[in-house]
């Protein structure tokens, strides 16, 4: 009898956990549980796909490597990097150093605090590519 009650409790716990996971998965899909920078990143990548379909981008997702920009972009042969921050967000000294180093090497890099900032960086890459050609 004790084993049956124990198994029932385990099964109940599994059902509860599965329900919670489903709720979390659904809410993440709706953006409810995302932090503001993640939401902004999604808006920016959606804008890139819609407005600049030939532009390649890579979303850096390794949280164990510090300083890498959030988006690495190749637009018309120009290397771009974006550190995505909300209005209140602040780049770390290492992030600022990496962005400055990319600019010094001839790329385009900066903070994107909204979709328009990101759009302007990509348009800057396009203008730079046109000047080179």
Foldseek 3Di string as FASTA:
>chain_A
DVVVVVVVVVVVVVVVVVVVVVVVVVCVVVVNPDDPQVVQVVVQVVCCCVVPVPKDKDADDPPVDPQAARIWIQALNATEGEHEDAPPDDDDPSVVVVQVVSVVVPHHYDYDRHNVSSVVSNVVNVVVSVVVD
